[in-house]
Amino acid sequence: MFDKNRYITRGVKEEIGLDIQILIWSYIDALKKRKDINVDYLQVFELNTINRNDIFNQKLVHKQELAPYEKLYLLNVEEPVNKKVYVIDEGDYSTMLLAEEY
């Protein structure tokens, strides 16, 4: 799962920084390596800006429903955003899209 071609939608390209896109793919890759979790075809990333912190400016929560999983990341990125991003594995390819594009 999540091993073949990877695509992003126009919305992701326009609204999510490349640094965050790369991190999202890397978090999925890290999850795949874990032996204790079955990776769901739908990965959810909730992105929220942090305004009251001098070190971090982006909160990212990575989760899935089947084989429940949730992990919080605090990041310092160039352009923090408030968005929900889905990454869906379709077998032959995976697509990263904004929740509103679903």
PDB file of N, CA and C in Angstrom:
ATOM      1  N   MET A   1       0.834  -1.175   0.000  1.00  0.00           N
ATOM      2  CA  MET A   1       0.000   0.000   0.000  1.00  0.00           C
ATOM      3  C   MET A   1       0.888   1.251   0.000  1.00  0.00           C
ATOM      4  N   PHE A   2       0.491   2.265  -0.744  1.00  0.00           N
ATOM      5  CA  PHE A   2       1.222   3.530  -0.876  1.00  0.00           C
ATOM      6  C   PHE A   2       2.623   3.310  -1.452  1.00  0.00           C
ATOM      7  N   ASP A   3       2.774   2.281  -2.315  1.00  0.00           N
ATOM      8  CA  ASP A   3       4.082   1.961  -2.877  1.00  0.00           C
ATOM      9  C   ASP A   3       4.265   2.410  -4.321  1.00  0.00           C
ATOM     10  N   LYS A   4       3.197   2.728  -5.002  1.00  0.00           N
ATOM     11  CA  LYS A   4       3.300   3.020  -6.436  1.00  0.00           C
ATOM     12  C   LYS A   4       3.343   4.528  -6.666  1.00  0.00           C
ATOM     13  N   ASN A   5       2.949   4.957  -7.847  1.00  0.00           N
ATOM     14  CA  ASN A   5       3.001   6.379  -8.198  1.00  0.00           C
ATOM     15  C   ASN A   5       2.211   7.229  -7.216  1.00  0.00           C
ATOM     16  N   ARG A   6       2.739   8.435  -6.964  1.00  0.00           N
ATOM     17  CA  ARG A   6       2.116   9.361  -6.021  1.00  0.00           C
ATOM     18  C   ARG A   6       1.749  10.646  -6.745  1.00  0.00           C
ATOM     19  N   TYR A   7       0.530  11.103  -6.490  1.00  0.00           N
ATOM     20  CA  TYR A   7       0.035  12.309  -7.151  1.00  0.00           C
ATOM     21  C   TYR A   7      -0.529  13.277  -6.123  1.00  0.00           C
ATOM     22  N   ILE A   8      -0.574  14.547  -6.509  1.00  0.00           N
ATOM     23  CA  ILE A   8      -1.229  15.566  -5.697  1.00  0.00           C
ATOM     24  C   ILE A   8      -2.249  16.281  -6.572  1.00  0.00           C
ATOM     25  N   THR A   9      -3.287  16.791  -5.950  1.00  0.00           N
ATOM     26  CA  THR A   9      -4.299  17.540  -6.685  1.00  0.00           C
ATOM     27  C   THR A   9      -3.864  18.995  -6.827  1.00  0.00           C
ATOM     28  N   ARG A  10      -4.574  19.717  -7.648  1.00  0.00           N
ATOM     29  CA  ARG A  10      -4.303  21.140  -7.843  1.00  0.00           C
ATOM     30  C   ARG A  10      -4.426  21.902  -6.522  1.00  0.00           C
ATOM     31  N   GLY A  11      -5.433  21.546  -5.721  1.00  0.00           N
ATOM     32  CA  GLY A  11      -5.620  22.218  -4.437  1.00  0.00           C
ATOM     33  C   GLY A  11      -4.419  22.065  -3.523  1.00  0.00           C
ATOM     34  N   VAL A  12      -3.872  20.862  -3.447  1.00  0.00           N
ATOM     35  CA  VAL A  12      -2.682  20.628  -2.629  1.00  0.00           C
ATOM     36  C   VAL A  12      -1.514  21.434  -3.182  1.00  0.00           C
ATOM     37  N   LYS A  13      -1.337  21.418  -4.482  1.00  0.00           N
ATOM     38  CA  LYS A  13      -0.234  22.160  -5.098  1.00  0.00           C
ATOM     39  C   LYS A  13      -0.316  23.642  -4.780  1.00  0.00           C
ATOM     40  N   GLU A  14      -1.530  24.190  -4.793  1.00  0.00           N
ATOM     41  CA  GLU A  14      -1.708  25.626  -4.589  1.00  0.00           C
ATOM     42  C   GLU A  14      -1.726  26.035  -3.117  1.00  0.00           C
ATOM     43  N   GLU A  15      -2.141  25.140  -2.215  1.00  0.00           N
ATOM     44  CA  GLU A  15      -2.374  25.567  -0.836  1.00  0.00           C
ATOM     45  C   GLU A  15      -1.475  24.931   0.224  1.00  0.00           C
ATOM     46  N   ILE A  16      -0.805  23.849  -0.114  1.00  0.00           N
ATOM     47  CA  ILE A  16       0.049  23.157   0.859  1.00  0.00           C
ATOM     48  C   ILE A  16       1.499  23.270   0.393  1.00  0.00           C
ATOM     49  N   GLY A  17       2.349  23.809   1.254  1.00  0.00           N
ATOM     50  CA  GLY A  17       3.755  23.982   0.899  1.00  0.00           C
ATOM     51  C   GLY A  17       4.445  22.662   0.597  1.00  0.00           C
ATOM     52  N   LEU A  18       5.452  22.737  -0.255  1.00  0.00           N
ATOM     53  CA  LEU A  18       6.198  21.536  -0.634  1.00  0.00           C
ATOM     54  C   LEU A  18       6.807  20.858   0.591  1.00  0.00           C
ATOM     55  N   ASP A  19       7.276  21.642   1.554  1.00  0.00           N
ATOM     56  CA  ASP A  19       7.866  21.051   2.755  1.00  0.00           C
ATOM     57  C   ASP A  19       6.852  20.187   3.504  1.00  0.00           C
ATOM     58  N   ILE A  20       5.610  20.650   3.598  1.00  0.00           N
ATOM     59  CA  ILE A  20       4.573  19.865   4.276  1.00  0.00           C
ATOM     60  C   ILE A  20       4.193  18.643   3.442  1.00  0.00           C
ATOM     61  N   GLN A  21       4.108  18.796   2.127  1.00  0.00           N
ATOM     62  CA  GLN A  21       3.792  17.653   1.262  1.00  0.00           C
ATOM     63  C   GLN A  21       4.814  16.532   1.455  1.00  0.00           C
ATOM     64  N   ILE A  22       6.082  16.896   1.463  1.00  0.00           N
ATOM     65  CA  ILE A  22       7.146  15.902   1.625  1.00  0.00           C
ATOM     66  C   ILE A  22       7.055  15.236   2.990  1.00  0.00           C
ATOM     67  N   LEU A  23       6.773  16.023   4.023  1.00  0.00           N
ATOM     68  CA  LEU A  23       6.621  15.448   5.361  1.00  0.00           C
ATOM     69  C   LEU A  23       5.463  14.456   5.420  1.00  0.00           C
ATOM     70  N   ILE A  24       4.348  14.797   4.798  1.00  0.00           N
ATOM     71  CA  ILE A  24       3.187  13.899   4.806  1.00  0.00           C
ATOM     72  C   ILE A  24       3.543  12.557   4.173  1.00  0.00           C
ATOM     73  N   TRP A  25       4.178  12.581   3.003  1.00  0.00           N
ATOM     74  CA  TRP A  25       4.580  11.319   2.366  1.00  0.00           C
ATOM     75  C   TRP A  25       5.546  10.550   3.271  1.00  0.00           C
ATOM     76  N   SER A  26       6.479  11.262   3.921  1.00  0.00           N
ATOM     77  CA  SER A  26       7.455  10.576   4.778  1.00  0.00           C
ATOM     78  C   SER A  26       6.791   9.969   6.013  1.00  0.00           C
ATOM     79  N   TYR A  27       5.754  10.620   6.551  1.00  0.00           N
ATOM     80  CA  TYR A  27       5.041  10.053   7.699  1.00  0.00           C
ATOM     81  C   TYR A  27       4.305   8.772   7.302  1.00  0.00           C
ATOM     82  N   ILE A  28       3.763   8.743   6.097  1.00  0.00           N
ATOM     83  CA  ILE A  28       3.117   7.515   5.612  1.00  0.00           C
ATOM     84  C   ILE A  28       4.163   6.413   5.445  1.00  0.00           C
ATOM     85  N   ASP A  29       5.309   6.753   4.866  1.00  0.00           N
ATOM     86  CA  ASP A  29       6.378   5.763   4.693  1.00  0.00           C
ATOM     87  C   ASP A  29       6.832   5.198   6.039  1.00  0.00           C
ATOM     88  N   ALA A  30       6.945   6.060   7.040  1.00  0.00           N
ATOM     89  CA  ALA A  30       7.356   5.605   8.374  1.00  0.00           C
ATOM     90  C   ALA A  30       6.304   4.677   8.983  1.00  0.00           C
ATOM     91  N   LEU A  31       5.035   5.003   8.780  1.00  0.00           N
ATOM     92  CA  LEU A  31       3.957   4.164   9.308  1.00  0.00           C
ATOM     93  C   LEU A  31       3.972   2.782   8.653  1.00  0.00           C
ATOM     94  N   LYS A  32       4.258   2.735   7.351  1.00  0.00           N
ATOM     95  CA  LYS A  32       4.308   1.456   6.629  1.00  0.00           C
ATOM     96  C   LYS A  32       5.379   0.525   7.194  1.00  0.00           C
ATOM     97  N   LYS A  33       6.448   1.082   7.731  1.00  0.00           N
ATOM     98  CA  LYS A  33       7.549   0.274   8.253  1.00  0.00           C
ATOM     99  C   LYS A  33       7.242  -0.354   9.607  1.00  0.00           C
ATOM    100  N   ARG A  34       6.236   0.177  10.275  1.00  0.00           N
ATOM    101  CA  ARG A  34       5.886  -0.360  11.593  1.00  0.00           C
ATOM    102  C   ARG A  34       5.191  -1.709  11.446  1.00  0.00           C
ATOM    103  N   LYS A  35       5.578  -2.645  12.276  1.00  0.00           N
ATOM    104  CA  LYS A  35       5.016  -3.996  12.229  1.00  0.00           C
ATOM    105  C   LYS A  35       3.737  -4.120  13.058  1.00  0.00           C
ATOM    106  N   ASP A  36       3.508  -3.177  13.966  1.00  0.00           N
ATOM    107  CA  ASP A  36       2.387  -3.287  14.898  1.00  0.00           C
ATOM    108  C   ASP A  36       1.110  -2.611  14.409  1.00  0.00           C
ATOM    109  N   ILE A  37       1.129  -2.024  13.206  1.00  0.00           N
ATOM    110  CA  ILE A  37      -0.046  -1.304  12.705  1.00  0.00           C
ATOM    111  C   ILE A  37      -0.335  -1.715  11.268  1.00  0.00           C
ATOM    112  N   ASN A  38      -1.600  -2.007  10.983  1.00  0.00           N
ATOM    113  CA  ASN A  38      -2.041  -2.217   9.611  1.00  0.00           C
ATOM    114  C   ASN A  38      -2.390  -0.858   9.027  1.00  0.00           C
ATOM    115  N   VAL A  39      -1.789  -0.529   7.914  1.00  0.00           N
ATOM    116  CA  VAL A  39      -1.997   0.778   7.299  1.00  0.00           C
ATOM    117  C   VAL A  39      -3.312   0.780   6.530  1.00  0.00           C
ATOM    118  N   ASP A  40      -4.143   1.756   6.810  1.00  0.00           N
ATOM    119  CA  ASP A  40      -5.435   1.936   6.148  1.00  0.00           C
ATOM    120  C   ASP A  40      -5.215   2.613   4.792  1.00  0.00           C
ATOM    121  N   TYR A  41      -6.111   2.369   3.850  1.00  0.00           N
ATOM    122  CA  TYR A  41      -6.002   2.995   2.525  1.00  0.00           C
ATOM    123  C   TYR A  41      -6.226   4.507   2.592  1.00  0.00           C
ATOM    124  N   LEU A  42      -6.843   4.992   3.671  1.00  0.00           N
ATOM    125  CA  LEU A  42      -7.115   6.422   3.833  1.00  0.00           C
ATOM    126  C   LEU A  42      -6.331   6.960   5.019  1.00  0.00           C
ATOM    127  N   GLN A  43      -5.419   7.883   4.740  1.00  0.00           N
ATOM    128  CA  GLN A  43      -4.649   8.563   5.774  1.00  0.00           C
ATOM    129  C   GLN A  43      -5.151  10.001   5.864  1.00  0.00           C
ATOM    130  N   VAL A  44      -5.346  10.486   7.083  1.00  0.00           N
ATOM    131  CA  VAL A  44      -5.894  11.821   7.308  1.00  0.00           C
ATOM    132  C   VAL A  44      -4.856  12.662   8.044  1.00  0.00           C
ATOM    133  N   PHE A  45      -4.666  13.886   7.560  1.00  0.00           N
ATOM    134  CA  PHE A  45      -3.733  14.826   8.173  1.00  0.00           C
ATOM    135  C   PHE A  45      -4.468  16.129   8.448  1.00  0.00           C
ATOM    136  N   GLU A  46      -4.568  16.492   9.716  1.00  0.00           N
ATOM    137  CA  GLU A  46      -5.201  17.749  10.101  1.00  0.00           C
ATOM    138  C   GLU A  46      -4.100  18.753  10.406  1.00  0.00           C
ATOM    139  N   LEU A  47      -4.110  19.855   9.675  1.00  0.00           N
ATOM    140  CA  LEU A  47      -3.087  20.890   9.800  1.00  0.00           C
ATOM    141  C   LEU A  47      -3.694  22.134  10.426  1.00  0.00           C
ATOM    142  N   ASN A  48      -3.070  22.625  11.486  1.00  0.00           N
ATOM    143  CA  ASN A  48      -3.534  23.839  12.148  1.00  0.00           C
ATOM    144  C   ASN A  48      -2.346  24.719  12.493  1.00  0.00           C
ATOM    145  N   THR A  49      -2.523  26.022  12.311  1.00  0.00           N
ATOM    146  CA  THR A  49      -1.452  26.951  12.651  1.00  0.00           C
ATOM    147  C   THR A  49      -1.380  27.126  14.164  1.00  0.00           C
ATOM    148  N   ILE A  50      -0.175  27.404  14.636  1.00  0.00           N
ATOM    149  CA  ILE A  50       0.069  27.688  16.050  1.00  0.00           C
ATOM    150  C   ILE A  50       0.585  29.121  16.117  1.00  0.00           C
ATOM    151  N   ASN A  51      -0.095  29.968  16.869  1.00  0.00           N
ATOM    152  CA  ASN A  51       0.291  31.378  16.940  1.00  0.00           C
ATOM    153  C   ASN A  51       1.007  31.753  18.226  1.00  0.00           C
ATOM    154  N   ARG A  52       0.925  30.928  19.251  1.00  0.00           N
ATOM    155  CA  ARG A  52       1.475  31.305  20.548  1.00  0.00           C
ATOM    156  C   ARG A  52       2.733  30.524  20.893  1.00  0.00           C
ATOM    157  N   ASN A  53       3.529  30.179  19.928  1.00  0.00           N
ATOM    158  CA  ASN A  53       4.716  29.381  20.185  1.00  0.00           C
ATOM    159  C   ASN A  53       5.872  29.969  19.392  1.00  0.00           C
ATOM    160  N   ASP A  54       7.006  30.187  20.050  1.00  0.00           N
ATOM    161  CA  ASP A  54       8.162  30.792  19.388  1.00  0.00           C
ATOM    162  C   ASP A  54       8.961  29.794  18.561  1.00  0.00           C
ATOM    163  N   ILE A  55       8.758  28.512  18.783  1.00  0.00           N
ATOM    164  CA  ILE A  55       9.547  27.496  18.082  1.00  0.00           C
ATOM    165  C   ILE A  55       8.759  26.861  16.947  1.00  0.00           C
ATOM    166  N   PHE A  56       7.528  26.453  17.220  1.00  0.00           N
ATOM    167  CA  PHE A  56       6.717  25.755  16.228  1.00  0.00           C
ATOM    168  C   PHE A  56       5.586  26.650  15.735  1.00  0.00           C
ATOM    169  N   ASN A  57       5.241  26.503  14.449  1.00  0.00           N
ATOM    170  CA  ASN A  57       4.136  27.293  13.890  1.00  0.00           C
ATOM    171  C   ASN A  57       3.080  26.425  13.204  1.00  0.00           C
ATOM    172  N   GLN A  58       3.289  25.112  13.194  1.00  0.00           N
ATOM    173  CA  GLN A  58       2.342  24.215  12.525  1.00  0.00           C
ATOM    174  C   GLN A  58       2.105  22.980  13.384  1.00  0.00           C
ATOM    175  N   LYS A  59       0.836  22.684  13.621  1.00  0.00           N
ATOM    176  CA  LYS A  59       0.449  21.437  14.293  1.00  0.00           C
ATOM    177  C   LYS A  59      -0.097  20.509  13.222  1.00  0.00           C
ATOM    178  N   LEU A  60       0.380  19.275  13.207  1.00  0.00           N
ATOM    179  CA  LEU A  60      -0.065  18.291  12.232  1.00  0.00           C
ATOM    180  C   LEU A  60      -0.467  17.031  12.997  1.00  0.00           C
ATOM    181  N   VAL A  61      -1.710  16.610  12.811  1.00  0.00           N
ATOM    182  CA  VAL A  61      -2.187  15.371  13.422  1.00  0.00           C
ATOM    183  C   VAL A  61      -2.413  14.362  12.301  1.00  0.00           C
ATOM    184  N   HIS A  62      -1.710  13.250  12.387  1.00  0.00           N
ATOM    185  CA  HIS A  62      -1.810  12.168  11.395  1.00  0.00           C
ATOM    186  C   HIS A  62      -2.661  11.069  12.008  1.00  0.00           C
ATOM    187  N   LYS A  63      -3.717  10.655  11.292  1.00  0.00           N
ATOM    188  CA  LYS A  63      -4.549   9.583  11.827  1.00  0.00           C
ATOM    189  C   LYS A  63      -5.155   8.727  10.735  1.00  0.00           C
ATOM    190  N   GLN A  64      -5.643   7.574  11.172  1.00  0.00           N
ATOM    191  CA  GLN A  64      -6.408   6.672  10.322  1.00  0.00           C
ATOM    192  C   GLN A  64      -7.481   6.040  11.192  1.00  0.00           C
ATOM    193  N   GLU A  65      -8.560   5.563  10.550  1.00  0.00           N
ATOM    194  CA  GLU A  65      -9.685   5.003  11.310  1.00  0.00           C
ATOM    195  C   GLU A  65      -9.547   3.508  11.545  1.00  0.00           C
ATOM    196  N   LEU A  66      -9.352   2.748  10.462  1.00  0.00           N
ATOM    197  CA  LEU A  66      -9.215   1.301  10.609  1.00  0.00           C
ATOM    198  C   LEU A  66      -7.815   1.008  11.125  1.00  0.00           C
ATOM    199  N   ALA A  67      -7.727   0.136  12.091  1.00  0.00           N
ATOM    200  CA  ALA A  67      -6.498  -0.031  12.862  1.00  0.00           C
ATOM    201  C   ALA A  67      -6.150   1.344  13.421  1.00  0.00           C
ATOM    202  N   PRO A  68      -6.950   1.831  14.369  1.00  0.00           N
ATOM    203  CA  PRO A  68      -6.837   3.211  14.843  1.00  0.00           C
ATOM    204  C   PRO A  68      -5.404   3.633  15.145  1.00  0.00           C
ATOM    205  N   TYR A  69      -5.086   4.813  14.651  1.00  0.00           N
ATOM    206  CA  TYR A  69      -3.746   5.376  14.810  1.00  0.00           C
ATOM    207  C   TYR A  69      -3.879   6.886  14.839  1.00  0.00           C
ATOM    208  N   GLU A  70      -3.110   7.517  15.709  1.00  0.00           N
ATOM    209  CA  GLU A  70      -3.066   8.978  15.745  1.00  0.00           C
ATOM    210  C   GLU A  70      -1.722   9.413  16.307  1.00  0.00           C
ATOM    211  N   LYS A  71      -1.114  10.389  15.635  1.00  0.00           N
ATOM    212  CA  LYS A  71       0.165  10.921  16.098  1.00  0.00           C
ATOM    213  C   LYS A  71       0.193  12.419  15.857  1.00  0.00           C
ATOM    214  N   LEU A  72       0.688  13.154  16.841  1.00  0.00           N
ATOM    215  CA  LEU A  72       0.785  14.604  16.777  1.00  0.00           C
ATOM    216  C   LEU A  72       2.216  15.010  16.467  1.00  0.00           C
ATOM    217  N   TYR A  73       2.365  15.940  15.523  1.00  0.00           N
ATOM    218  CA  TYR A  73       3.662  16.518  15.197  1.00  0.00           C
ATOM    219  C   TYR A  73       3.564  18.026  15.359  1.00  0.00           C
ATOM    220  N   LEU A  74       4.587  18.629  15.939  1.00  0.00           N
ATOM    221  CA  LEU A  74       4.707  20.082  15.988  1.00  0.00           C
ATOM    222  C   LEU A  74       5.883  20.448  15.102  1.00  0.00           C
ATOM    223  N   LEU A  75       5.642  21.367  14.164  1.00  0.00           N
ATOM    224  CA  LEU A  75       6.621  21.660  13.121  1.00  0.00           C
ATOM    225  C   LEU A  75       6.883  23.153  13.007  1.00  0.00           C
ATOM    226  N   ASN A  76       7.986  23.471  12.374  1.00  0.00           N
ATOM    227  CA  ASN A  76       8.277  24.839  11.979  1.00  0.00           C
ATOM    228  C   ASN A  76       8.407  24.821  10.457  1.00  0.00           C
ATOM    229  N   VAL A  77       7.420  25.388   9.773  1.00  0.00           N
ATOM    230  CA  VAL A  77       7.383  25.359   8.310  1.00  0.00           C
ATOM    231  C   VAL A  77       7.329  26.778   7.765  1.00  0.00           C
ATOM    232  N   GLU A  78       7.599  26.918   6.469  1.00  0.00           N
ATOM    233  CA  GLU A  78       7.610  28.242   5.844  1.00  0.00           C
ATOM    234  C   GLU A  78       6.240  28.895   5.834  1.00  0.00           C
ATOM    235  N   GLU A  79       5.213  28.136   5.455  1.00  0.00           N
ATOM    236  CA  GLU A  79       3.862  28.691   5.352  1.00  0.00           C
ATOM    237  C   GLU A  79       2.865  27.778   6.060  1.00  0.00           C
ATOM    238  N   PRO A  80       2.607  28.014   7.355  1.00  0.00           N
ATOM    239  CA  PRO A  80       1.638  27.181   8.066  1.00  0.00           C
ATOM    240  C   PRO A  80       0.225  27.391   7.520  1.00  0.00           C
ATOM    241  N   VAL A  81      -0.585  26.341   7.577  1.00  0.00           N
ATOM    242  CA  VAL A  81      -1.945  26.392   7.022  1.00  0.00           C
ATOM    243  C   VAL A  81      -2.937  25.729   7.974  1.00  0.00           C
ATOM    244  N   ASN A  82      -4.206  26.025   7.757  1.00  0.00           N
ATOM    245  CA  ASN A  82      -5.318  25.368   8.445  1.00  0.00           C
ATOM    246  C   ASN A  82      -6.095  24.587   7.391  1.00  0.00           C
ATOM    247  N   LYS A  83      -5.778  23.317   7.246  1.00  0.00           N
ATOM    248  CA  LYS A  83      -6.414  22.477   6.226  1.00  0.00           C
ATOM    249  C   LYS A  83      -6.470  21.041   6.706  1.00  0.00           C
ATOM    250  N   LYS A  84      -7.359  20.276   6.090  1.00  0.00           N
ATOM    251  CA  LYS A  84      -7.386  18.828   6.284  1.00  0.00           C
ATOM    252  C   LYS A  84      -6.987  18.208   4.954  1.00  0.00           C
ATOM    253  N   VAL A  85      -6.041  17.277   5.013  1.00  0.00           N
ATOM    254  CA  VAL A  85      -5.512  16.629   3.817  1.00  0.00           C
ATOM    255  C   VAL A  85      -5.771  15.132   3.923  1.00  0.00           C
ATOM    256  N   TYR A  86      -6.252  14.548   2.828  1.00  0.00           N
ATOM    257  CA  TYR A  86      -6.418  13.102   2.732  1.00  0.00           C
ATOM    258  C   TYR A  86      -5.353  12.562   1.782  1.00  0.00           C
ATOM    259  N   VAL A  87      -4.843  11.384   2.095  1.00  0.00           N
ATOM    260  CA  VAL A  87      -4.006  10.644   1.154  1.00  0.00           C
ATOM    261  C   VAL A  87      -4.681   9.290   0.988  1.00  0.00           C
ATOM    262  N   ILE A  88      -5.074   8.999  -0.252  1.00  0.00           N
ATOM    263  CA  ILE A  88      -5.846   7.793  -0.547  1.00  0.00           C
ATOM    264  C   ILE A  88      -5.032   6.872  -1.444  1.00  0.00           C
ATOM    265  N   ASP A  89      -4.922   5.604  -1.032  1.00  0.00           N
ATOM    266  CA  ASP A  89      -4.240   4.607  -1.851  1.00  0.00           C
ATOM    267  C   ASP A  89      -5.273   3.910  -2.724  1.00  0.00           C
ATOM    268  N   GLU A  90      -5.050   3.952  -4.036  1.00  0.00           N
ATOM    269  CA  GLU A  90      -5.975   3.334  -5.000  1.00  0.00           C
ATOM    270  C   GLU A  90      -5.413   2.037  -5.579  1.00  0.00           C
ATOM    271  N   GLY A  91      -4.345   1.516  -4.993  1.00  0.00           N
ATOM    272  CA  GLY A  91      -3.741   0.289  -5.513  1.00  0.00           C
ATOM    273  C   GLY A  91      -2.620   0.589  -6.487  1.00  0.00           C
ATOM    274  N   ASP A  92      -2.968   1.126  -7.660  1.00  0.00           N
ATOM    275  CA  ASP A  92      -1.961   1.454  -8.668  1.00  0.00           C
ATOM    276  C   ASP A  92      -1.310   2.804  -8.433  1.00  0.00           C
ATOM    277  N   TYR A  93      -1.917   3.647  -7.612  1.00  0.00           N
ATOM    278  CA  TYR A  93      -1.382   4.981  -7.335  1.00  0.00           C
ATOM    279  C   TYR A  93      -1.981   5.513  -6.037  1.00  0.00           C
ATOM    280  N   SER A  94      -1.354   6.555  -5.513  1.00  0.00           N
ATOM    281  CA  SER A  94      -1.851   7.235  -4.314  1.00  0.00           C
ATOM    282  C   SER A  94      -2.033   8.703  -4.643  1.00  0.00           C
ATOM    283  N   THR A  95      -3.058   9.318  -4.045  1.00  0.00           N
ATOM    284  CA  THR A  95      -3.351  10.722  -4.310  1.00  0.00           C
ATOM    285  C   THR A  95      -3.476  11.483  -3.001  1.00  0.00           C
ATOM    286  N   MET A  96      -2.809  12.638  -2.949  1.00  0.00           N
ATOM    287  CA  MET A  96      -2.938  13.567  -1.837  1.00  0.00           C
ATOM    288  C   MET A  96      -3.897  14.665  -2.275  1.00  0.00           C
ATOM    289  N   LEU A  97      -4.963  14.889  -1.483  1.00  0.00           N
ATOM    290  CA  LEU A  97      -5.951  15.894  -1.846  1.00  0.00           C
ATOM    291  C   LEU A  97      -6.455  16.610  -0.606  1.00  0.00           C
ATOM    292  N   LEU A  98      -6.972  17.814  -0.814  1.00  0.00           N
ATOM    293  CA  LEU A  98      -7.604  18.549   0.270  1.00  0.00           C
ATOM    294  C   LEU A  98      -8.948  17.909   0.576  1.00  0.00           C
ATOM    295  N   ALA A  99      -9.379  17.981   1.817  1.00  0.00           N
ATOM    296  CA  ALA A  99     -10.663  17.385   2.202  1.00  0.00           C
ATOM    297  C   ALA A  99     -11.799  17.945   1.365  1.00  0.00           C
ATOM    298  N   GLU A 100     -11.746  19.234   1.049  1.00  0.00           N
ATOM    299  CA  GLU A 100     -12.831  19.835   0.264  1.00  0.00           C
ATOM    300  C   GLU A 100     -12.823  19.398  -1.198  1.00  0.00           C
ATOM    301  N   GLU A 101     -11.766  18.726  -1.638  1.00  0.00           N
ATOM    302  CA  GLU A 101     -11.713  18.205  -3.008  1.00  0.00           C
ATOM    303  C   GLU A 101     -12.263  16.778  -3.090  1.00  0.00           C
ATOM    304  N   TYR A 102     -12.568  16.174  -1.963  1.00  0.00           N
ATOM    305  CA  TYR A 102     -13.025  14.783  -1.925  1.00  0.00           C
ATOM    306  C   TYR A 102     -14.438  14.669  -2.433  1.00  0.00           C
TER     307      TYR A 102
END
